Amino acid sequence: MLGGGYPRGSLVLIEVDGRVSIPQYQLVMAPTVSNFKAQGRGVLIVPSMGVDHTIAKRQALEAGFTEDELNSLLRVCVRYFPELRSEPYVVVLKGESASEDYEEYASVAAELRKRTRQPLLYIVEVDTLVDTYGEKEALWLMRTGLAVSRMTGDLIMALLKPGYPRVAEVLGAAADVHLKVTREHGTLLVYGVKPRTNVYVLKMDTSEGYPMPKLTLIT
């Protein structure tokens, strides 16, 4: 679809509309997440508000990764809440200061990068940043993270839901790749805004025993 994949050190913005479910939009990111882990590369995830952080673990196990592999390569950053269970792959953030939480996040990323000696993948569901720190601080976090990834060769995939027009404008301008996922007449569609691409029907393929995307070009 993109003629070669994502460039190193880039920002990929994935905008989804309100009619797209969590499993549907996660299909767009699933191949990249699995690819990074299969190559022994670290993956850091900031899940959306209200999304069960254990989904990332279940998806990794369904894709054939072992518990040891996901505990070594996967980190899911969540805001503290009393019922939160301690897991090796879970990073607990206070959610009080954007700068303090970024230092913790950056420290975890640096440890992963040093241990794997490879670029990292960041999956950031931007609504979490905005709802936790406010729009201004959320954009500061994204800009700071992008500046670092440009130097380290890491890949950032930022998922943005409806309701944040200013954030969409800023991240759309900064993004190297900008995809949109929508639904029309019950059909899930994906297309590129940057670079401009044709429209594809996006379906879930479970023939290998776990969900992966199947793209069909609309001609």
N, C-alpha and C. Protein backbone atom coordinates (compact mmCIF):
# COMPACT_ATOMS: atom_id res chain seq x y z
N MET A 1 0.83 -1.22 0.00
CA MET A 1 0.00 0.00 0.00
C MET A 1 0.86 1.26 0.00
N LEU A 2 1.96 1.22 0.75
CA LEU A 2 2.83 2.39 0.88
C LEU A 2 4.09 2.27 0.03
N GLY A 3 4.22 1.16 -0.70
CA GLY A 3 5.35 1.01 -1.59
C GLY A 3 6.67 0.85 -0.91
N GLY A 4 6.70 0.09 0.18
CA GLY A 4 7.98 -0.16 0.83
C GLY A 4 7.96 -0.05 2.35
N GLY A 5 6.84 0.29 2.93
CA GLY A 5 6.75 0.33 4.39
C GLY A 5 7.05 1.69 4.97
N TYR A 6 7.31 1.72 6.26
CA TYR A 6 7.52 2.97 7.00
C TYR A 6 8.99 3.32 7.07
N PRO A 7 9.35 4.59 6.87
CA PRO A 7 10.75 5.00 7.00
C PRO A 7 11.21 4.95 8.46
N ARG A 8 12.48 4.68 8.67
CA ARG A 8 13.03 4.74 10.01
C ARG A 8 12.94 6.16 10.55
N GLY A 9 12.78 6.26 11.86
CA GLY A 9 12.75 7.57 12.50
C GLY A 9 11.56 8.41 12.12
N SER A 10 10.45 7.76 11.76
CA SER A 10 9.30 8.51 11.26
C SER A 10 8.12 8.47 12.21
N LEU A 11 7.18 9.36 11.95
CA LEU A 11 5.89 9.41 12.66
C LEU A 11 4.80 8.97 11.70
N VAL A 12 4.06 7.95 12.12
CA VAL A 12 2.91 7.47 11.35
C VAL A 12 1.65 7.85 12.12
N LEU A 13 0.84 8.70 11.54
CA LEU A 13 -0.42 9.12 12.16
C LEU A 13 -1.56 8.29 11.56
N ILE A 14 -2.33 7.65 12.43
CA ILE A 14 -3.47 6.85 12.01
C ILE A 14 -4.72 7.47 12.62
N GLU A 15 -5.52 8.12 11.79
CA GLU A 15 -6.77 8.72 12.24
C GLU A 15 -7.92 7.74 12.04
N VAL A 16 -8.72 7.54 13.07
CA VAL A 16 -9.86 6.64 12.96
C VAL A 16 -11.13 7.41 13.28
N ASP A 17 -12.23 7.05 12.64
CA ASP A 17 -13.48 7.72 12.99
C ASP A 17 -14.22 6.93 14.07
N GLY A 18 -15.27 7.52 14.59
CA GLY A 18 -15.96 6.95 15.75
C GLY A 18 -16.69 5.66 15.47
N ARG A 19 -16.85 5.29 14.21
CA ARG A 19 -17.55 4.05 13.86
C ARG A 19 -16.62 2.84 13.78
N VAL A 20 -15.35 3.07 14.01
CA VAL A 20 -14.35 2.00 13.91
C VAL A 20 -14.08 1.44 15.31
N SER A 21 -14.19 0.13 15.46
CA SER A 21 -14.01 -0.50 16.77
C SER A 21 -12.53 -0.68 17.09
N ILE A 22 -12.25 -1.00 18.35
CA ILE A 22 -10.87 -1.21 18.79
C ILE A 22 -10.19 -2.35 18.02
N PRO A 23 -10.80 -3.54 17.91
CA PRO A 23 -10.13 -4.61 17.14
C PRO A 23 -9.89 -4.23 15.69
N GLN A 24 -10.79 -3.40 15.12
CA GLN A 24 -10.64 -3.02 13.72
C GLN A 24 -9.45 -2.09 13.51
N TYR A 25 -9.33 -1.05 14.33
CA TYR A 25 -8.22 -0.13 14.09
C TYR A 25 -6.89 -0.74 14.52
N GLN A 26 -6.92 -1.67 15.47
CA GLN A 26 -5.68 -2.32 15.87
C GLN A 26 -5.12 -3.21 14.76
N LEU A 27 -5.99 -3.62 13.83
CA LEU A 27 -5.51 -4.40 12.68
C LEU A 27 -4.44 -3.66 11.90
N VAL A 28 -4.57 -2.34 11.82
CA VAL A 28 -3.62 -1.54 11.03
C VAL A 28 -2.23 -1.59 11.64
N MET A 29 -2.17 -1.70 12.97
CA MET A 29 -0.89 -1.68 13.67
C MET A 29 -0.32 -3.08 13.91
N ALA A 30 -1.20 -4.10 13.89
CA ALA A 30 -0.79 -5.46 14.28
C ALA A 30 0.42 -6.00 13.52
N PRO A 31 0.50 -5.85 12.18
CA PRO A 31 1.66 -6.41 11.47
C PRO A 31 2.98 -5.78 11.92
N THR A 32 2.98 -4.48 12.16
CA THR A 32 4.20 -3.79 12.56
C THR A 32 4.64 -4.21 13.95
N VAL A 33 3.67 -4.34 14.87
CA VAL A 33 3.97 -4.79 16.23
C VAL A 33 4.60 -6.18 16.19
N SER A 34 3.97 -7.10 15.46
CA SER A 34 4.48 -8.47 15.38
C SER A 34 5.84 -8.51 14.70
N ASN A 35 6.02 -7.67 13.66
CA ASN A 35 7.29 -7.63 12.94
C ASN A 35 8.43 -7.20 13.84
N PHE A 36 8.21 -6.17 14.63
CA PHE A 36 9.25 -5.69 15.53
C PHE A 36 9.63 -6.75 16.55
N LYS A 37 8.62 -7.36 17.18
CA LYS A 37 8.92 -8.37 18.19
C LYS A 37 9.58 -9.60 17.59
N ALA A 38 9.17 -9.98 16.37
CA ALA A 38 9.76 -11.14 15.71
C ALA A 38 11.24 -10.92 15.41
N GLN A 39 11.64 -9.65 15.26
CA GLN A 39 13.04 -9.32 14.99
C GLN A 39 13.81 -8.98 16.27
N GLY A 40 13.17 -9.23 17.42
CA GLY A 40 13.83 -8.97 18.69
C GLY A 40 13.91 -7.50 19.04
N ARG A 41 12.99 -6.72 18.49
CA ARG A 41 12.97 -5.28 18.77
C ARG A 41 11.91 -4.95 19.81
N GLY A 42 12.17 -3.92 20.60
CA GLY A 42 11.26 -3.54 21.66
C GLY A 42 10.05 -2.77 21.16
N VAL A 43 8.92 -2.92 21.88
CA VAL A 43 7.68 -2.23 21.56
C VAL A 43 7.13 -1.59 22.83
N LEU A 44 6.89 -0.29 22.78
CA LEU A 44 6.27 0.43 23.89
C LEU A 44 4.89 0.91 23.47
N ILE A 45 3.91 0.68 24.32
CA ILE A 45 2.53 1.02 23.99
C ILE A 45 1.93 1.92 25.07
N VAL A 46 1.30 3.01 24.64
CA VAL A 46 0.46 3.83 25.51
C VAL A 46 -0.96 3.60 25.03
N PRO A 47 -1.74 2.74 25.73
CA PRO A 47 -3.08 2.40 25.24
C PRO A 47 -4.08 3.52 25.45
N SER A 48 -5.18 3.42 24.73
CA SER A 48 -6.24 4.42 24.83
C SER A 48 -6.91 4.36 26.20
N MET A 49 -7.48 5.50 26.61
CA MET A 49 -8.22 5.55 27.87
C MET A 49 -9.38 4.55 27.82
N GLY A 50 -9.49 3.75 28.85
CA GLY A 50 -10.60 2.80 28.92
C GLY A 50 -10.34 1.48 28.23
N VAL A 51 -9.18 1.35 27.58
CA VAL A 51 -8.84 0.09 26.90
C VAL A 51 -8.02 -0.77 27.85
N ASP A 52 -8.40 -2.02 27.98
CA ASP A 52 -7.71 -2.97 28.85
C ASP A 52 -6.27 -3.15 28.38
N HIS A 53 -5.32 -2.81 29.26
CA HIS A 53 -3.91 -2.88 28.85
C HIS A 53 -3.43 -4.31 28.63
N THR A 54 -4.18 -5.30 29.12
CA THR A 54 -3.76 -6.69 28.92
C THR A 54 -4.05 -7.19 27.50
N ILE A 55 -4.76 -6.38 26.69
CA ILE A 55 -5.01 -6.76 25.29
C ILE A 55 -3.70 -6.99 24.56
N ALA A 56 -2.70 -6.13 24.82
CA ALA A 56 -1.41 -6.26 24.14
C ALA A 56 -0.77 -7.60 24.46
N LYS A 57 -0.90 -8.06 25.69
CA LYS A 57 -0.35 -9.37 26.07
C LYS A 57 -1.09 -10.49 25.35
N ARG A 58 -2.41 -10.43 25.35
CA ARG A 58 -3.19 -11.48 24.69
C ARG A 58 -2.86 -11.55 23.20
N GLN A 59 -2.74 -10.39 22.56
CA GLN A 59 -2.43 -10.37 21.14
C GLN A 59 -1.05 -10.97 20.86
N ALA A 60 -0.08 -10.70 21.73
CA ALA A 60 1.26 -11.26 21.54
C ALA A 60 1.24 -12.78 21.68
N LEU A 61 0.51 -13.29 22.66
CA LEU A 61 0.42 -14.73 22.86
C LEU A 61 -0.32 -15.39 21.71
N GLU A 62 -1.38 -14.73 21.20
CA GLU A 62 -2.12 -15.28 20.06
C GLU A 62 -1.26 -15.35 18.81
N ALA A 63 -0.32 -14.41 18.69
CA ALA A 63 0.56 -14.36 17.52
C ALA A 63 1.73 -15.34 17.62
N GLY A 64 1.80 -16.07 18.73
CA GLY A 64 2.82 -17.11 18.86
C GLY A 64 4.03 -16.75 19.68
N PHE A 65 4.04 -15.56 20.29
CA PHE A 65 5.17 -15.18 21.13
C PHE A 65 5.03 -15.82 22.51
N THR A 66 6.15 -16.11 23.13
CA THR A 66 6.14 -16.72 24.44
C THR A 66 6.00 -15.65 25.53
N GLU A 67 5.68 -16.09 26.72
CA GLU A 67 5.58 -15.17 27.86
C GLU A 67 6.92 -14.49 28.10
N ASP A 68 8.00 -15.24 27.99
CA ASP A 68 9.33 -14.66 28.20
C ASP A 68 9.64 -13.60 27.14
N GLU A 69 9.26 -13.87 25.89
CA GLU A 69 9.52 -12.91 24.81
C GLU A 69 8.76 -11.62 25.03
N LEU A 70 7.49 -11.71 25.39
CA LEU A 70 6.73 -10.46 25.56
C LEU A 70 7.19 -9.70 26.80
N ASN A 71 7.58 -10.43 27.86
CA ASN A 71 8.10 -9.73 29.05
C ASN A 71 9.43 -9.06 28.77
N SER A 72 10.16 -9.58 27.79
CA SER A 72 11.45 -9.00 27.43
C SER A 72 11.32 -7.82 26.49
N LEU A 73 10.36 -7.91 25.54
CA LEU A 73 10.30 -6.93 24.45
C LEU A 73 9.14 -5.95 24.54
N LEU A 74 8.11 -6.27 25.30
CA LEU A 74 6.91 -5.43 25.35
C LEU A 74 6.85 -4.60 26.62
N ARG A 75 6.49 -3.33 26.49
CA ARG A 75 6.24 -2.47 27.64
C ARG A 75 4.94 -1.70 27.37
N VAL A 76 4.00 -1.79 28.31
CA VAL A 76 2.74 -1.08 28.20
C VAL A 76 2.68 -0.06 29.33
N CYS A 77 2.57 1.21 28.98
CA CYS A 77 2.59 2.30 29.96
C CYS A 77 1.16 2.68 30.34
N VAL A 78 0.86 2.58 31.62
CA VAL A 78 -0.49 2.87 32.10
C VAL A 78 -0.42 3.78 33.32
N ARG A 79 -1.47 4.55 33.50
CA ARG A 79 -1.57 5.39 34.69
C ARG A 79 -1.99 4.54 35.88
N TYR A 80 -1.42 4.83 37.02
CA TYR A 80 -1.70 4.04 38.21
C TYR A 80 -3.18 4.08 38.60
N PHE A 81 -3.68 2.92 38.96
CA PHE A 81 -4.98 2.82 39.62
C PHE A 81 -4.90 1.68 40.63
N PRO A 82 -5.69 1.73 41.71
CA PRO A 82 -5.51 0.79 42.83
C PRO A 82 -5.58 -0.68 42.45
N GLU A 83 -6.39 -1.02 41.43
CA GLU A 83 -6.57 -2.42 41.06
C GLU A 83 -5.50 -2.93 40.09
N LEU A 84 -4.56 -2.10 39.75
CA LEU A 84 -3.56 -2.47 38.76
C LEU A 84 -2.66 -3.58 39.29
N ARG A 85 -2.56 -4.67 38.52
CA ARG A 85 -1.71 -5.79 38.89
C ARG A 85 -0.31 -5.59 38.34
N SER A 86 0.68 -5.91 39.16
CA SER A 86 2.07 -5.78 38.72
C SER A 86 2.41 -6.89 37.73
N GLU A 87 2.93 -6.49 36.58
CA GLU A 87 3.36 -7.43 35.55
C GLU A 87 4.71 -6.94 35.02
N PRO A 88 5.58 -7.85 34.58
CA PRO A 88 6.90 -7.43 34.08
C PRO A 88 6.83 -6.46 32.92
N TYR A 89 5.77 -6.55 32.09
CA TYR A 89 5.69 -5.71 30.90
C TYR A 89 4.96 -4.39 31.15
N VAL A 90 4.43 -4.19 32.35
CA VAL A 90 3.65 -2.99 32.66
C VAL A 90 4.54 -1.92 33.29
N VAL A 91 4.48 -0.71 32.74
CA VAL A 91 5.18 0.45 33.30
C VAL A 91 4.12 1.38 33.88
N VAL A 92 4.22 1.66 35.15
CA VAL A 92 3.22 2.48 35.84
C VAL A 92 3.69 3.94 35.88
N LEU A 93 2.85 4.82 35.36
CA LEU A 93 3.13 6.26 35.38
C LEU A 93 2.16 6.95 36.32
N LYS A 94 2.60 8.04 36.93
CA LYS A 94 1.75 8.74 37.89
C LYS A 94 0.63 9.51 37.21
N GLY A 95 0.89 10.06 36.02
CA GLY A 95 -0.13 10.82 35.33
C GLY A 95 -0.34 12.21 35.89
N GLU A 96 0.63 12.72 36.65
CA GLU A 96 0.51 14.04 37.27
C GLU A 96 1.34 15.10 36.56
N SER A 97 2.49 14.70 36.04
CA SER A 97 3.40 15.63 35.38
C SER A 97 3.88 15.03 34.07
N ALA A 98 3.66 15.76 32.98
CA ALA A 98 4.09 15.27 31.67
C ALA A 98 5.60 15.09 31.61
N SER A 99 6.33 16.04 32.17
CA SER A 99 7.80 15.97 32.11
C SER A 99 8.34 14.82 32.95
N GLU A 100 7.78 14.60 34.14
CA GLU A 100 8.24 13.50 34.99
C GLU A 100 7.91 12.15 34.36
N ASP A 101 6.71 12.02 33.82
CA ASP A 101 6.34 10.76 33.19
C ASP A 101 7.17 10.52 31.93
N TYR A 102 7.51 11.59 31.21
CA TYR A 102 8.34 11.41 30.02
C TYR A 102 9.73 10.90 30.40
N GLU A 103 10.27 11.38 31.50
CA GLU A 103 11.58 10.91 31.95
C GLU A 103 11.54 9.40 32.23
N GLU A 104 10.47 8.94 32.88
CA GLU A 104 10.32 7.52 33.16
C GLU A 104 10.18 6.74 31.86
N TYR A 105 9.36 7.26 30.96
CA TYR A 105 9.12 6.62 29.66
C TYR A 105 10.42 6.53 28.87
N ALA A 106 11.17 7.63 28.85
CA ALA A 106 12.44 7.67 28.11
C ALA A 106 13.45 6.72 28.71
N SER A 107 13.44 6.57 30.02
CA SER A 107 14.36 5.65 30.70
C SER A 107 14.06 4.20 30.32
N VAL A 108 12.78 3.85 30.27
CA VAL A 108 12.38 2.51 29.86
C VAL A 108 12.78 2.26 28.41
N ALA A 109 12.56 3.26 27.54
CA ALA A 109 12.92 3.13 26.13
C ALA A 109 14.43 2.96 25.96
N ALA A 110 15.21 3.73 26.71
CA ALA A 110 16.66 3.65 26.60
C ALA A 110 17.16 2.28 27.03
N GLU A 111 16.56 1.71 28.07
CA GLU A 111 16.97 0.37 28.53
C GLU A 111 16.66 -0.68 27.47
N LEU A 112 15.47 -0.58 26.86
CA LEU A 112 15.09 -1.52 25.81
C LEU A 112 16.02 -1.41 24.60
N ARG A 113 16.30 -0.17 24.21
CA ARG A 113 17.14 0.06 23.04
C ARG A 113 18.56 -0.44 23.29
N LYS A 114 19.08 -0.22 24.48
CA LYS A 114 20.43 -0.66 24.82
C LYS A 114 20.51 -2.18 24.83
N ARG A 115 19.49 -2.83 25.38
CA ARG A 115 19.51 -4.29 25.50
C ARG A 115 19.32 -4.98 24.15
N THR A 116 18.41 -4.45 23.33
CA THR A 116 18.15 -5.09 22.03
C THR A 116 19.10 -4.62 20.94
N ARG A 117 19.69 -3.43 21.13
CA ARG A 117 20.59 -2.83 20.14
C ARG A 117 19.88 -2.64 18.80
N GLN A 118 18.61 -2.33 18.87
CA GLN A 118 17.81 -2.13 17.66
C GLN A 118 16.81 -1.00 17.90
N PRO A 119 16.27 -0.44 16.81
CA PRO A 119 15.25 0.61 16.95
C PRO A 119 14.00 0.07 17.63
N LEU A 120 13.26 0.98 18.23
CA LEU A 120 12.03 0.63 18.94
C LEU A 120 10.80 1.05 18.15
N LEU A 121 9.68 0.47 18.53
CA LEU A 121 8.38 0.87 18.01
C LEU A 121 7.55 1.45 19.16
N TYR A 122 7.03 2.64 18.94
CA TYR A 122 6.12 3.26 19.91
C TYR A 122 4.71 3.26 19.33
N ILE A 123 3.77 2.70 20.08
CA ILE A 123 2.35 2.80 19.73
C ILE A 123 1.72 3.75 20.74
N VAL A 124 1.29 4.92 20.29
CA VAL A 124 0.76 5.94 21.20
C VAL A 124 -0.67 6.28 20.81
N GLU A 125 -1.60 5.98 21.68
CA GLU A 125 -2.99 6.38 21.45
C GLU A 125 -3.16 7.76 22.09
N VAL A 126 -3.22 8.76 21.22
CA VAL A 126 -3.00 10.16 21.63
C VAL A 126 -4.08 10.67 22.58
N ASP A 127 -5.28 10.12 22.52
CA ASP A 127 -6.33 10.59 23.43
C ASP A 127 -5.92 10.43 24.89
N THR A 128 -5.11 9.40 25.19
CA THR A 128 -4.64 9.20 26.56
C THR A 128 -3.76 10.37 27.00
N LEU A 129 -2.87 10.82 26.12
CA LEU A 129 -2.01 11.94 26.47
C LEU A 129 -2.81 13.22 26.69
N VAL A 130 -3.77 13.49 25.80
CA VAL A 130 -4.57 14.72 25.92
C VAL A 130 -5.43 14.68 27.18
N ASP A 131 -6.08 13.57 27.43
CA ASP A 131 -6.96 13.48 28.59
C ASP A 131 -6.19 13.49 29.91
N THR A 132 -4.93 13.03 29.88
CA THR A 132 -4.13 12.99 31.10
C THR A 132 -3.42 14.30 31.37
N TYR A 133 -2.82 14.90 30.34
CA TYR A 133 -1.97 16.07 30.55
C TYR A 133 -2.50 17.35 29.94
N GLY A 134 -3.53 17.27 29.11
CA GLY A 134 -4.01 18.44 28.39
C GLY A 134 -3.39 18.50 27.00
N GLU A 135 -4.01 19.28 26.13
CA GLU A 135 -3.60 19.32 24.73
C GLU A 135 -2.18 19.86 24.54
N LYS A 136 -1.86 20.95 25.24
CA LYS A 136 -0.55 21.57 25.07
C LYS A 136 0.57 20.62 25.47
N GLU A 137 0.42 19.99 26.64
CA GLU A 137 1.45 19.07 27.11
C GLU A 137 1.51 17.81 26.25
N ALA A 138 0.36 17.36 25.77
CA ALA A 138 0.34 16.18 24.90
C ALA A 138 1.14 16.43 23.63
N LEU A 139 0.96 17.61 23.04
CA LEU A 139 1.72 17.94 21.83
C LEU A 139 3.20 18.09 22.14
N TRP A 140 3.52 18.61 23.31
CA TRP A 140 4.94 18.70 23.71
C TRP A 140 5.53 17.30 23.80
N LEU A 141 4.81 16.37 24.39
CA LEU A 141 5.30 14.99 24.50
C LEU A 141 5.52 14.37 23.12
N MET A 142 4.58 14.58 22.21
CA MET A 142 4.70 14.01 20.87
C MET A 142 5.88 14.63 20.12
N ARG A 143 6.03 15.95 20.21
CA ARG A 143 7.14 16.61 19.51
C ARG A 143 8.49 16.16 20.08
N THR A 144 8.56 16.06 21.41
CA THR A 144 9.81 15.64 22.04
C THR A 144 10.16 14.21 21.65
N GLY A 145 9.17 13.33 21.70
CA GLY A 145 9.40 11.95 21.32
C GLY A 145 9.81 11.81 19.87
N LEU A 146 9.20 12.62 18.99
CA LEU A 146 9.54 12.56 17.57
C LEU A 146 10.96 13.04 17.32
N ALA A 147 11.37 14.08 18.03
CA ALA A 147 12.74 14.59 17.86
C ALA A 147 13.76 13.51 18.22
N VAL A 148 13.48 12.76 19.28
CA VAL A 148 14.38 11.68 19.69
C VAL A 148 14.36 10.56 18.65
N SER A 149 13.17 10.20 18.18
CA SER A 149 13.07 9.08 17.23
C SER A 149 13.76 9.39 15.91
N ARG A 150 13.78 10.67 15.52
CA ARG A 150 14.50 11.05 14.30
C ARG A 150 15.98 10.69 14.41
N MET A 151 16.53 10.83 15.63
CA MET A 151 17.95 10.56 15.84
C MET A 151 18.23 9.07 16.03
N THR A 152 17.32 8.36 16.68
CA THR A 152 17.57 6.97 17.04
C THR A 152 17.07 5.98 16.00
N GLY A 153 16.23 6.44 15.06
CA GLY A 153 15.68 5.54 14.07
C GLY A 153 14.46 4.77 14.55
N ASP A 154 13.91 5.16 15.70
CA ASP A 154 12.70 4.52 16.21
C ASP A 154 11.50 4.91 15.35
N LEU A 155 10.43 4.11 15.44
CA LEU A 155 9.20 4.37 14.70
C LEU A 155 8.08 4.68 15.67
N ILE A 156 7.36 5.78 15.43
CA ILE A 156 6.21 6.14 16.25
C ILE A 156 4.94 5.97 15.42
N MET A 157 4.00 5.17 15.94
CA MET A 157 2.68 5.06 15.33
C MET A 157 1.69 5.69 16.30
N ALA A 158 1.13 6.83 15.92
CA ALA A 158 0.21 7.57 16.77
C ALA A 158 -1.21 7.38 16.28
N LEU A 159 -2.06 6.90 17.16
CA LEU A 159 -3.46 6.68 16.80
C LEU A 159 -4.31 7.81 17.38
N LEU A 160 -5.13 8.43 16.52
CA LEU A 160 -5.92 9.58 16.94
C LEU A 160 -7.39 9.36 16.65
N LYS A 161 -8.20 9.48 17.69
CA LYS A 161 -9.65 9.33 17.55
C LYS A 161 -10.28 10.70 17.30
N PRO A 162 -11.57 10.76 16.96
CA PRO A 162 -12.23 12.04 16.68
C PRO A 162 -12.31 12.92 17.93
N GLY A 163 -12.42 14.22 17.70
CA GLY A 163 -12.63 15.16 18.79
C GLY A 163 -11.42 15.99 19.15
N TYR A 164 -10.33 15.87 18.39
CA TYR A 164 -9.11 16.61 18.68
C TYR A 164 -8.62 17.30 17.41
N PRO A 165 -9.36 18.28 16.90
CA PRO A 165 -9.00 18.89 15.61
C PRO A 165 -7.65 19.58 15.61
N ARG A 166 -7.31 20.29 16.68
CA ARG A 166 -6.02 20.98 16.74
C ARG A 166 -4.87 19.97 16.76
N VAL A 167 -5.02 18.91 17.53
CA VAL A 167 -3.99 17.87 17.60
C VAL A 167 -3.85 17.19 16.24
N ALA A 168 -4.98 16.93 15.58
CA ALA A 168 -4.96 16.31 14.27
C ALA A 168 -4.21 17.18 13.26
N GLU A 169 -4.42 18.49 13.34
CA GLU A 169 -3.76 19.42 12.42
C GLU A 169 -2.25 19.42 12.63
N VAL A 170 -1.82 19.49 13.90
CA VAL A 170 -0.39 19.56 14.21
C VAL A 170 0.31 18.25 13.86
N LEU A 171 -0.28 17.13 14.28
CA LEU A 171 0.36 15.85 14.01
C LEU A 171 0.30 15.49 12.53
N GLY A 172 -0.76 15.90 11.86
CA GLY A 172 -0.86 15.67 10.42
C GLY A 172 0.25 16.36 9.66
N ALA A 173 0.60 17.57 10.10
CA ALA A 173 1.68 18.31 9.45
C ALA A 173 3.04 17.69 9.74
N ALA A 174 3.21 17.12 10.94
CA ALA A 174 4.50 16.56 11.33
C ALA A 174 4.70 15.14 10.82
N ALA A 175 3.60 14.44 10.51
CA ALA A 175 3.68 13.03 10.16
C ALA A 175 4.38 12.79 8.83
N ASP A 176 5.15 11.72 8.77
CA ASP A 176 5.75 11.27 7.52
C ASP A 176 4.76 10.43 6.72
N VAL A 177 3.91 9.71 7.46
CA VAL A 177 2.85 8.90 6.88
C VAL A 177 1.56 9.20 7.63
N HIS A 178 0.48 9.43 6.89
CA HIS A 178 -0.80 9.76 7.50
C HIS A 178 -1.88 8.88 6.86
N LEU A 179 -2.42 7.98 7.68
CA LEU A 179 -3.46 7.07 7.21
C LEU A 179 -4.79 7.41 7.87
N LYS A 180 -5.88 7.13 7.16
CA LYS A 180 -7.21 7.29 7.74
C LYS A 180 -7.96 5.96 7.64
N VAL A 181 -8.65 5.61 8.73
CA VAL A 181 -9.46 4.39 8.79
C VAL A 181 -10.90 4.81 9.07
N THR A 182 -11.81 4.37 8.21
CA THR A 182 -13.20 4.78 8.34
C THR A 182 -14.13 3.63 7.97
N ARG A 183 -15.41 3.84 8.10
CA ARG A 183 -16.40 2.83 7.70
C ARG A 183 -17.45 3.49 6.83
N GLU A 184 -17.80 2.82 5.75
CA GLU A 184 -18.86 3.29 4.86
C GLU A 184 -19.77 2.10 4.56
N HIS A 185 -21.06 2.25 4.88
CA HIS A 185 -22.04 1.20 4.64
C HIS A 185 -21.60 -0.13 5.24
N GLY A 186 -21.02 -0.05 6.44
CA GLY A 186 -20.60 -1.25 7.15
C GLY A 186 -19.28 -1.83 6.72
N THR A 187 -18.62 -1.20 5.73
CA THR A 187 -17.35 -1.71 5.22
C THR A 187 -16.20 -0.88 5.78
N LEU A 188 -15.19 -1.56 6.28
CA LEU A 188 -14.02 -0.89 6.84
C LEU A 188 -13.06 -0.51 5.72
N LEU A 189 -12.67 0.78 5.69
CA LEU A 189 -11.81 1.30 4.62
C LEU A 189 -10.57 1.96 5.21
N VAL A 190 -9.45 1.88 4.47
CA VAL A 190 -8.23 2.56 4.87
C VAL A 190 -7.59 3.17 3.63
N TYR A 191 -7.03 4.38 3.80
CA TYR A 191 -6.35 5.03 2.68
C TYR A 191 -5.30 5.99 3.22
N GLY A 192 -4.36 6.34 2.37
CA GLY A 192 -3.29 7.23 2.75
C GLY A 192 -3.58 8.67 2.35
N VAL A 193 -3.40 9.58 3.32
CA VAL A 193 -3.46 11.01 3.06
C VAL A 193 -2.06 11.51 2.69
N LYS A 194 -1.05 10.97 3.34
CA LYS A 194 0.35 11.31 3.08
C LYS A 194 1.17 10.03 3.22
N PRO A 195 1.69 9.47 2.18
CA PRO A 195 1.45 9.83 0.78
C PRO A 195 0.03 9.46 0.37
N ARG A 196 -0.48 10.11 -0.65
CA ARG A 196 -1.82 9.83 -1.15
C ARG A 196 -1.86 8.44 -1.77
N THR A 197 -2.83 7.64 -1.36
CA THR A 197 -2.97 6.29 -1.91
C THR A 197 -4.40 6.07 -2.36
N ASN A 198 -4.62 4.95 -3.02
CA ASN A 198 -5.97 4.51 -3.31
C ASN A 198 -6.66 4.06 -2.03
N VAL A 199 -7.95 3.81 -2.13
CA VAL A 199 -8.73 3.33 -0.98
C VAL A 199 -8.74 1.81 -1.00
N TYR A 200 -8.55 1.21 0.18
CA TYR A 200 -8.54 -0.25 0.32
C TYR A 200 -9.63 -0.68 1.29
N VAL A 201 -10.25 -1.81 1.01
CA VAL A 201 -11.12 -2.47 1.97
C VAL A 201 -10.23 -3.22 2.95
N LEU A 202 -10.48 -3.03 4.23
CA LEU A 202 -9.68 -3.67 5.28
C LEU A 202 -10.52 -4.74 5.95
N LYS A 203 -10.06 -5.98 5.88
CA LYS A 203 -10.77 -7.09 6.51
C LYS A 203 -9.84 -7.84 7.46
N MET A 204 -10.45 -8.58 8.38
CA MET A 204 -9.67 -9.37 9.32
C MET A 204 -9.47 -10.78 8.78
N ASP A 205 -8.21 -11.21 8.73
CA ASP A 205 -7.86 -12.55 8.28
C ASP A 205 -7.37 -13.36 9.48
N THR A 206 -8.08 -14.44 9.81
CA THR A 206 -7.70 -15.28 10.94
C THR A 206 -7.24 -16.67 10.49
N SER A 207 -6.85 -16.79 9.24
CA SER A 207 -6.47 -18.10 8.69
C SER A 207 -5.24 -18.69 9.37
N GLU A 208 -4.40 -17.83 9.96
CA GLU A 208 -3.20 -18.32 10.65
C GLU A 208 -3.44 -18.54 12.13
N GLY A 209 -4.68 -18.33 12.58
CA GLY A 209 -5.00 -18.55 13.98
C GLY A 209 -4.99 -17.31 14.82
N TYR A 210 -4.64 -16.16 14.23
CA TYR A 210 -4.66 -14.89 14.94
C TYR A 210 -5.02 -13.81 13.93
N PRO A 211 -5.60 -12.69 14.40
CA PRO A 211 -6.08 -11.66 13.46
C PRO A 211 -4.97 -10.88 12.78
N MET A 212 -5.05 -10.80 11.45
CA MET A 212 -4.12 -9.99 10.66
C MET A 212 -4.95 -9.28 9.58
N PRO A 213 -4.46 -8.16 9.08
CA PRO A 213 -5.22 -7.41 8.09
C PRO A 213 -5.12 -8.00 6.70
N LYS A 214 -6.21 -7.87 5.95
CA LYS A 214 -6.21 -8.22 4.54
C LYS A 214 -6.73 -7.01 3.78
N LEU A 215 -5.92 -6.51 2.85
CA LEU A 215 -6.28 -5.33 2.08
C LEU A 215 -6.72 -5.69 0.68
N THR A 216 -7.83 -5.09 0.25
CA THR A 216 -8.32 -5.29 -1.11
C THR A 216 -8.48 -3.93 -1.76
N LEU A 217 -7.78 -3.69 -2.86
CA LEU A 217 -7.83 -2.42 -3.54
C LEU A 217 -9.20 -2.20 -4.17
N ILE A 218 -9.76 -1.01 -3.95
CA ILE A 218 -11.01 -0.64 -4.62
C ILE A 218 -10.65 -0.02 -5.96
N THR A 219 -11.12 -0.63 -7.04
CA THR A 219 -10.78 -0.13 -8.38
C THR A 219 -11.99 0.52 -9.02
